[in-house]
Amino acid sequence: MPENGDRSSRQQVLEELRGARKLIVVTHENPDGDALGSLIAMQEILTAIGKDSLAFVAEAELPLPPEYRFLAIPGLITAPPDDVQERTIVFLDCGNVDRNPAEALRNPGMHTINVDHHHDNTRFGTVNLVIPYASCTAEIVWDLMHGLAVKLTPSLAQALYVGLITDTGKFMYENTTPRAHLMAAELIEGGVDVHGVYRRVYEGLPLGKLTLLARALAQVKRYDGGRLTMTELTARDFAQAEARESYSEGIIDHLRAVEGTAVAGLVRDRVNRATEEGARKVSLRASDTRVDVSRIARAMGGGGHRQAAGFSTALTWDELIEFLRCEIDRQLGEVVEAPPG
């Protein structure tokens, strides 16, 4: 259950969901497992309580990455509907409103519900339910499911489970809590095929993804004695590997695991927008708990979690490396110089 300070927000969101007649469920661009799992689960929950609800995923995001294509998205639309102004917009797993690719859904006049677990969420919604200590947004959706008295179905359990395992790194990341395991137990009892989901999400990868990983590992560079471990992927790398942009997901975890790494970074061209200014995407992961990579990302207009964040940039490689080294030095210096107590 949410802590005391979040209970009123939870109750307000429950009342909004019960009271709304027509809704659209949305998430961020390049949706990951938590984004998709939360989107699908919320759509099923709203349908179960009799709402006219649609699930928006931009056409440019389809087809989904191979590991998520087994997930069916009920009520899917790929463009905002004509009656968008009449609908309540439910944002899921969006740290800020600009992370949704559809301008029509970001209109300041829209009535919005913001459900998220990013600690740097900008609270952009008309109503906000932001719980940073939740393991994933899917956990918050699961709690709302109980608040709306919706019965858990196998398809709903599967969607929530995908969100849970991907955002907790199969229960290995620091955001894994006792409540995350209690949630998993309920979802498994609700019909999740644990091994089947694992195989679909983490195995059966396309050859292009493996080829892209090989190219990324071949270009690893380390700085400051290995404290910063970096690699990059260019549009040419994607083309030669015959890889989609989404195939880069998970590569950075190999860098984070290298001994001595405090921060790992992957810089990649945004293949579909390679000619745009700031079209390079930087993903950061912290292995050293003294470093908050979301602070680094926010300084460049991005955001995320303490240990996983990202931003877009037009900086050259050398400029980016200098920026990252300085930011890491600054944070570690703050820790060292902080007075006791």
Protein backbone atom coordinates (compact mmCIF):
# COMPACT_ATOMS: atom_id res chain seq x y z
CA MET A 1 0.00 0.00 0.00
CA PRO A 2 1.15 3.60 -0.54
CA GLU A 3 2.61 5.41 2.46
CA ASN A 4 0.54 8.01 4.31
CA GLY A 5 1.55 10.91 2.05
CA ASP A 6 0.44 9.04 -1.08
CA ARG A 7 -2.90 7.68 0.10
CA SER A 8 -4.86 10.81 -0.71
CA SER A 9 -3.35 10.88 -4.21
CA ARG A 10 -4.21 7.22 -4.66
CA GLN A 11 -7.80 7.86 -3.58
CA GLN A 12 -8.05 10.82 -5.93
CA VAL A 13 -6.81 8.73 -8.87
CA LEU A 14 -9.27 5.96 -8.03
CA GLU A 15 -12.10 8.49 -8.00
CA GLU A 16 -10.92 9.96 -11.31
CA LEU A 17 -10.81 6.52 -12.95
CA ARG A 18 -14.25 5.60 -11.62
CA GLY A 19 -15.73 8.92 -12.70
CA ALA A 20 -14.23 9.28 -16.17
CA ARG A 21 -16.41 8.11 -19.04
CA LYS A 22 -13.83 8.06 -21.85
CA LEU A 23 -10.06 7.66 -21.48
CA ILE A 24 -6.81 7.13 -23.38
CA VAL A 25 -3.94 5.21 -21.83
CA VAL A 26 -0.46 6.31 -22.97
CA THR A 27 3.18 5.82 -22.07
CA HIS A 28 6.60 7.11 -23.10
CA GLU A 29 8.40 6.87 -26.43
CA ASN A 30 10.49 3.74 -27.06
CA PRO A 31 8.38 1.84 -24.50
CA ASP A 32 10.17 -0.74 -22.36
CA GLY A 33 8.71 -3.67 -20.44
CA ASP A 34 7.35 -1.61 -17.56
CA ALA A 35 5.80 0.94 -19.91
CA LEU A 36 4.10 -1.70 -22.05
CA GLY A 37 3.09 -3.91 -19.13
CA SER A 38 1.56 -0.95 -17.30
CA LEU A 39 -0.20 0.28 -20.45
CA ILE A 40 -1.75 -3.11 -21.25
CA ALA A 41 -2.73 -3.75 -17.64
CA MET A 42 -4.35 -0.36 -17.17
CA GLN A 43 -6.27 -0.74 -20.42
CA GLU A 44 -7.61 -4.12 -19.30
CA ILE A 45 -8.50 -2.72 -15.86
CA LEU A 46 -10.43 0.20 -17.34
CA THR A 47 -12.26 -2.08 -19.75
CA ALA A 48 -13.15 -4.39 -16.85
CA ILE A 49 -14.90 -1.53 -15.03
CA GLY A 50 -16.88 -0.64 -18.14
CA LYS A 51 -14.94 2.35 -19.44
CA ASP A 52 -14.60 3.49 -23.06
CA SER A 53 -10.81 3.36 -23.10
CA LEU A 54 -8.17 3.30 -25.83
CA ALA A 55 -4.46 2.44 -25.63
CA PHE A 56 -2.20 4.73 -27.66
CA VAL A 57 1.16 3.63 -29.09
CA ALA A 58 2.57 5.77 -31.90
CA GLU A 59 2.79 4.08 -35.28
CA ALA A 60 6.55 4.76 -35.34
CA GLU A 61 6.95 2.49 -32.28
CA LEU A 62 5.49 -0.51 -34.12
CA PRO A 63 6.26 -3.27 -34.51
CA LEU A 64 7.30 -3.56 -30.88
CA PRO A 65 10.78 -4.88 -30.03
CA PRO A 66 10.89 -8.67 -30.58
CA GLU A 67 10.93 -9.46 -26.87
CA TYR A 68 7.56 -7.74 -26.37
CA ARG A 69 5.68 -8.75 -29.50
CA PHE A 70 3.92 -11.58 -27.71
CA LEU A 71 2.04 -8.95 -25.70
CA ALA A 72 -1.35 -8.06 -27.17
CA ILE A 73 -2.42 -4.43 -26.68
CA PRO A 74 -6.21 -4.29 -26.38
CA GLY A 75 -7.89 -1.17 -27.74
CA LEU A 76 -4.73 -0.17 -29.62
CA ILE A 77 -4.71 3.08 -31.61
CA THR A 78 -1.68 4.58 -33.36
CA ALA A 79 -2.96 8.15 -33.75
CA PRO A 80 -4.95 10.37 -31.39
CA PRO A 81 -8.72 9.93 -31.97
CA ASP A 82 -11.05 12.69 -33.14
CA ASP A 83 -12.63 12.91 -29.69
CA VAL A 84 -9.29 13.29 -27.88
CA GLN A 85 -10.45 16.49 -26.14
CA GLU A 86 -13.28 14.57 -24.49
CA ARG A 87 -11.01 11.91 -23.00
CA THR A 88 -9.03 11.75 -19.78
CA ILE A 89 -5.41 10.95 -20.59
CA VAL A 90 -3.75 8.41 -18.29
CA PHE A 91 0.04 8.75 -18.51
CA LEU A 92 1.98 5.72 -17.29
CA ASP A 93 5.72 5.53 -16.54
CA CYS A 94 6.35 9.04 -17.98
CA GLY A 95 8.82 11.14 -16.02
CA ASN A 96 7.69 14.21 -17.92
CA VAL A 97 4.95 14.95 -20.42
CA ASP A 98 7.37 15.47 -23.31
CA ARG A 99 8.28 11.78 -23.26
CA ASN A 100 5.03 10.99 -25.05
CA PRO A 101 5.49 11.39 -28.82
CA ALA A 102 1.99 12.68 -29.66
CA GLU A 103 1.63 16.44 -29.43
CA ALA A 104 -2.16 16.21 -29.32
CA LEU A 105 -1.92 14.27 -26.06
CA ARG A 106 0.34 16.89 -24.48
CA ASN A 107 -2.09 19.79 -24.95
CA PRO A 108 -2.10 21.87 -21.73
CA GLY A 109 -5.91 21.89 -21.79
CA MET A 110 -6.18 18.10 -21.48
CA HIS A 111 -7.36 16.47 -18.26
CA THR A 112 -4.54 14.10 -17.30
CA ILE A 113 -3.73 11.45 -14.70
CA ASN A 114 -0.01 10.91 -14.12
CA VAL A 115 0.93 7.49 -12.66
CA ASP A 116 4.66 6.88 -12.29
CA HIS A 117 7.53 5.78 -10.05
CA HIS A 118 10.38 8.02 -11.30
CA HIS A 119 11.65 10.13 -8.40
CA ASP A 120 12.30 13.09 -10.72
CA ASN A 121 8.79 13.07 -12.22
CA THR A 122 7.71 16.66 -12.96
CA ARG A 123 4.17 16.13 -11.59
CA PHE A 124 2.72 17.40 -14.85
CA GLY A 125 -0.71 15.80 -14.47
CA THR A 126 -4.00 17.32 -13.44
CA VAL A 127 -3.83 14.54 -10.85
CA ASN A 128 -0.52 12.90 -9.90
CA LEU A 129 0.22 9.54 -8.29
CA VAL A 130 4.01 9.35 -8.21
CA ILE A 131 5.48 6.75 -5.84
CA PRO A 132 9.30 6.67 -6.15
CA TYR A 133 9.71 3.77 -3.72
CA ALA A 134 7.56 1.48 -5.91
CA SER A 135 9.66 -1.08 -7.76
CA CYS A 136 7.97 -0.21 -11.06
CA THR A 137 4.95 1.58 -12.44
CA ALA A 138 3.31 -1.82 -12.90
CA GLU A 139 3.33 -2.18 -9.10
CA ILE A 140 1.28 1.02 -8.78
CA VAL A 141 -1.13 -0.19 -11.47
CA TRP A 142 -1.44 -3.50 -9.60
CA ASP A 143 -2.39 -1.58 -6.45
CA LEU A 144 -4.96 0.47 -8.39
CA MET A 145 -6.38 -2.79 -9.76
CA HIS A 146 -7.09 -3.85 -6.17
CA GLY A 147 -8.53 -0.42 -5.37
CA LEU A 148 -10.96 -0.79 -8.28
CA ALA A 149 -11.88 -4.36 -7.24
CA VAL A 150 -10.86 -5.79 -10.61
CA LYS A 151 -10.31 -9.54 -10.69
CA LEU A 152 -6.86 -10.65 -11.77
CA THR A 153 -6.91 -12.53 -15.10
CA PRO A 154 -4.03 -14.43 -16.72
CA SER A 155 -3.56 -11.72 -19.38
CA LEU A 156 -3.60 -8.95 -16.78
CA ALA A 157 -1.18 -10.90 -14.57
CA GLN A 158 1.17 -11.46 -17.52
CA ALA A 159 1.29 -7.76 -18.41
CA LEU A 160 1.99 -6.74 -14.83
CA TYR A 161 4.63 -9.46 -14.48
CA VAL A 162 6.50 -8.23 -17.56
CA GLY A 163 6.60 -4.74 -16.07
CA LEU A 164 7.81 -6.11 -12.75
CA ILE A 165 10.62 -8.37 -13.95
CA THR A 166 12.01 -5.94 -16.52
CA ASP A 167 12.21 -2.93 -14.19
CA THR A 168 13.67 -4.95 -11.31
CA GLY A 169 16.18 -6.73 -13.57
CA LYS A 170 14.61 -10.11 -12.78
CA PHE A 171 14.55 -9.12 -9.08
CA MET A 172 18.28 -8.27 -9.00
CA TYR A 173 18.20 -4.43 -8.94
CA GLU A 174 18.16 -2.33 -5.78
CA ASN A 175 14.52 -1.35 -6.36
CA THR A 176 13.48 -4.96 -5.63
CA THR A 177 11.45 -4.87 -2.41
CA PRO A 178 9.55 -7.44 -0.34
CA ARG A 179 6.37 -6.00 -1.87
CA ALA A 180 7.73 -6.74 -5.36
CA HIS A 181 8.04 -10.41 -4.41
CA LEU A 182 4.56 -10.44 -2.87
CA MET A 183 3.24 -8.97 -6.11
CA ALA A 184 5.09 -11.64 -8.11
CA ALA A 185 3.60 -14.39 -5.95
CA GLU A 186 0.07 -13.12 -6.57
CA LEU A 187 0.67 -12.78 -10.31
CA ILE A 188 2.04 -16.31 -10.53
CA GLU A 189 -1.01 -17.59 -8.67
CA GLY A 190 -3.05 -15.58 -11.17
CA GLY A 191 -1.78 -17.64 -14.08
CA VAL A 192 1.58 -16.25 -15.24
CA ASP A 193 3.69 -18.77 -17.14
CA VAL A 194 6.98 -17.75 -15.52
CA HIS A 195 9.25 -19.79 -17.78
CA GLY A 196 7.27 -18.86 -20.88
CA VAL A 197 7.53 -15.14 -20.14
CA TYR A 198 11.26 -15.49 -19.43
CA ARG A 199 11.84 -17.25 -22.74
CA ARG A 200 9.93 -14.63 -24.69
CA VAL A 201 11.51 -11.60 -23.01
CA TYR A 202 15.09 -12.78 -22.53
CA GLU A 203 15.70 -15.54 -25.06
CA GLY A 204 15.02 -16.08 -28.75
CA LEU A 205 16.80 -12.86 -29.63
CA PRO A 206 17.27 -11.95 -33.31
CA LEU A 207 20.75 -12.38 -34.78
CA GLY A 208 20.86 -8.63 -35.45
CA LYS A 209 20.68 -7.96 -31.72
CA LEU A 210 23.62 -10.25 -31.04
CA THR A 211 25.58 -8.65 -33.89
CA LEU A 212 24.85 -5.19 -32.50
CA LEU A 213 26.02 -6.29 -29.05
CA ALA A 214 29.29 -7.54 -30.57
CA ARG A 215 29.86 -4.16 -32.25
CA ALA A 216 29.14 -2.31 -29.01
CA LEU A 217 31.51 -4.47 -26.96
CA ALA A 218 34.25 -4.07 -29.57
CA GLN A 219 34.09 -0.29 -29.09
CA VAL A 220 34.21 -0.09 -25.29
CA LYS A 221 36.40 2.67 -23.86
CA ARG A 222 37.24 3.21 -20.19
CA TYR A 223 38.20 6.41 -18.39
CA ASP A 224 39.60 7.34 -15.00
CA GLY A 225 40.90 3.87 -14.26
CA GLY A 226 37.69 2.27 -15.49
CA ARG A 227 35.37 4.31 -13.30
CA LEU A 228 33.53 5.43 -16.47
CA THR A 229 32.90 2.66 -19.02
CA MET A 230 31.49 3.81 -22.37
CA THR A 231 30.60 2.59 -25.83
CA GLU A 232 28.73 3.94 -28.84
CA LEU A 233 26.61 2.72 -31.71
CA THR A 234 26.31 4.72 -34.91
CA ALA A 235 23.66 4.58 -37.60
CA ARG A 236 26.20 2.61 -39.62
CA ASP A 237 26.49 0.02 -36.84
CA PHE A 238 22.73 -0.47 -36.85
CA ALA A 239 22.66 -0.75 -40.64
CA GLN A 240 25.52 -3.26 -40.86
CA ALA A 241 24.05 -5.37 -38.06
CA GLU A 242 20.62 -5.17 -39.74
CA ALA A 243 19.35 -4.11 -36.33
CA ARG A 244 16.42 -2.00 -35.23
CA GLU A 245 17.03 0.85 -32.80
CA SER A 246 15.29 -1.10 -30.04
CA TYR A 247 17.89 -3.89 -30.32
CA SER A 248 20.26 -1.76 -28.26
CA GLU A 249 18.19 -2.36 -25.12
CA GLY A 250 20.16 -4.34 -22.53
CA ILE A 251 23.61 -3.69 -24.01
CA ILE A 252 24.49 -1.23 -21.27
CA ASP A 253 24.02 -3.90 -18.59
CA HIS A 254 27.11 -5.67 -19.93
CA LEU A 255 29.12 -2.49 -19.37
CA ARG A 256 27.75 -1.91 -15.89
CA ALA A 257 28.91 -5.38 -14.87
CA VAL A 258 32.60 -4.67 -15.63
CA GLU A 259 34.77 -4.63 -12.51
CA GLY A 260 35.64 -1.16 -11.29
CA THR A 261 32.85 0.61 -13.19
CA ALA A 262 31.04 3.36 -11.30
CA VAL A 263 29.02 4.59 -14.29
CA ALA A 264 28.36 2.88 -17.62
CA GLY A 265 27.18 4.74 -20.68
CA LEU A 266 25.87 3.86 -24.14
CA VAL A 267 25.72 6.56 -26.80
CA ARG A 268 23.70 5.69 -29.87
CA ASP A 269 22.35 7.35 -32.95
CA ARG A 270 18.59 7.60 -33.04
CA VAL A 271 18.29 5.82 -36.34
CA ASN A 272 14.89 7.19 -37.33
CA ARG A 273 15.96 10.75 -36.49
CA ALA A 274 19.67 10.66 -37.30
CA THR A 275 19.63 14.02 -39.10
CA GLU A 276 17.99 15.95 -36.26
CA GLU A 277 19.96 18.13 -33.87
CA GLY A 278 20.50 16.32 -30.58
CA ALA A 279 19.61 13.00 -32.17
CA ARG A 280 22.20 11.04 -30.16
CA LYS A 281 20.73 9.23 -27.19
CA VAL A 282 22.81 8.68 -24.04
CA SER A 283 21.84 5.92 -21.59
CA LEU A 284 23.53 5.83 -18.18
CA ARG A 285 23.68 3.18 -15.47
CA ALA A 286 25.31 3.55 -12.05
CA SER A 287 27.07 0.67 -10.37
CA ASP A 288 28.40 2.88 -7.56
CA THR A 289 25.48 3.81 -5.30
CA ARG A 290 27.19 7.11 -4.46
CA VAL A 291 26.43 8.35 -7.99
CA ASP A 292 22.95 9.52 -9.00
CA VAL A 293 22.86 9.36 -12.80
CA SER A 294 19.42 11.00 -12.89
CA ARG A 295 21.13 14.22 -11.70
CA ILE A 296 23.53 13.97 -14.61
CA ALA A 297 20.68 13.35 -17.05
CA ARG A 298 18.58 16.24 -15.73
CA ALA A 299 21.48 18.63 -16.31
CA MET A 300 21.11 17.77 -20.01
CA GLY A 301 17.31 17.92 -20.13
CA GLY A 302 16.71 14.22 -19.49
CA GLY A 303 15.88 12.22 -16.39
CA GLY A 304 15.28 8.80 -14.91
CA HIS A 305 16.20 6.91 -11.76
CA ARG A 306 19.24 7.18 -9.47
CA GLN A 307 20.81 4.14 -11.12
CA ALA A 308 19.30 4.33 -14.62
CA ALA A 309 18.75 7.51 -16.63
CA GLY A 310 19.16 9.02 -20.06
CA PHE A 311 19.13 12.12 -22.23
CA SER A 312 19.56 13.29 -25.82
CA THR A 313 22.56 15.34 -26.88
CA ALA A 314 24.30 17.12 -29.74
CA LEU A 315 27.67 17.05 -27.94
CA THR A 316 30.66 15.47 -29.65
CA TRP A 317 32.13 12.33 -28.11
CA ASP A 318 34.99 14.24 -26.46
CA GLU A 319 32.65 16.92 -25.11
CA LEU A 320 30.30 14.29 -23.73
CA ILE A 321 33.09 12.33 -22.04
CA GLU A 322 34.45 15.49 -20.43
CA PHE A 323 30.97 16.40 -19.17
CA LEU A 324 30.38 12.92 -17.70
CA ARG A 325 33.79 12.76 -16.04
CA CYS A 326 33.25 16.15 -14.41
CA GLU A 327 29.77 15.24 -13.19
CA ILE A 328 30.93 11.94 -11.70
CA ASP A 329 33.89 13.69 -10.03
CA ARG A 330 31.54 16.30 -8.60
CA GLN A 331 29.18 13.77 -7.08
CA LEU A 332 31.92 11.59 -5.63
CA GLY A 333 33.57 14.73 -4.27
CA GLU A 334 30.33 15.72 -2.55
CA VAL A 335 30.24 12.33 -0.84
CA VAL A 336 33.86 12.51 0.27
CA GLU A 337 33.65 16.11 1.48
CA ALA A 338 30.24 15.85 3.17
CA PRO A 339 30.49 16.50 6.93
CA PRO A 340 29.76 13.52 9.21
CA GLY A 341 26.27 13.08 10.61
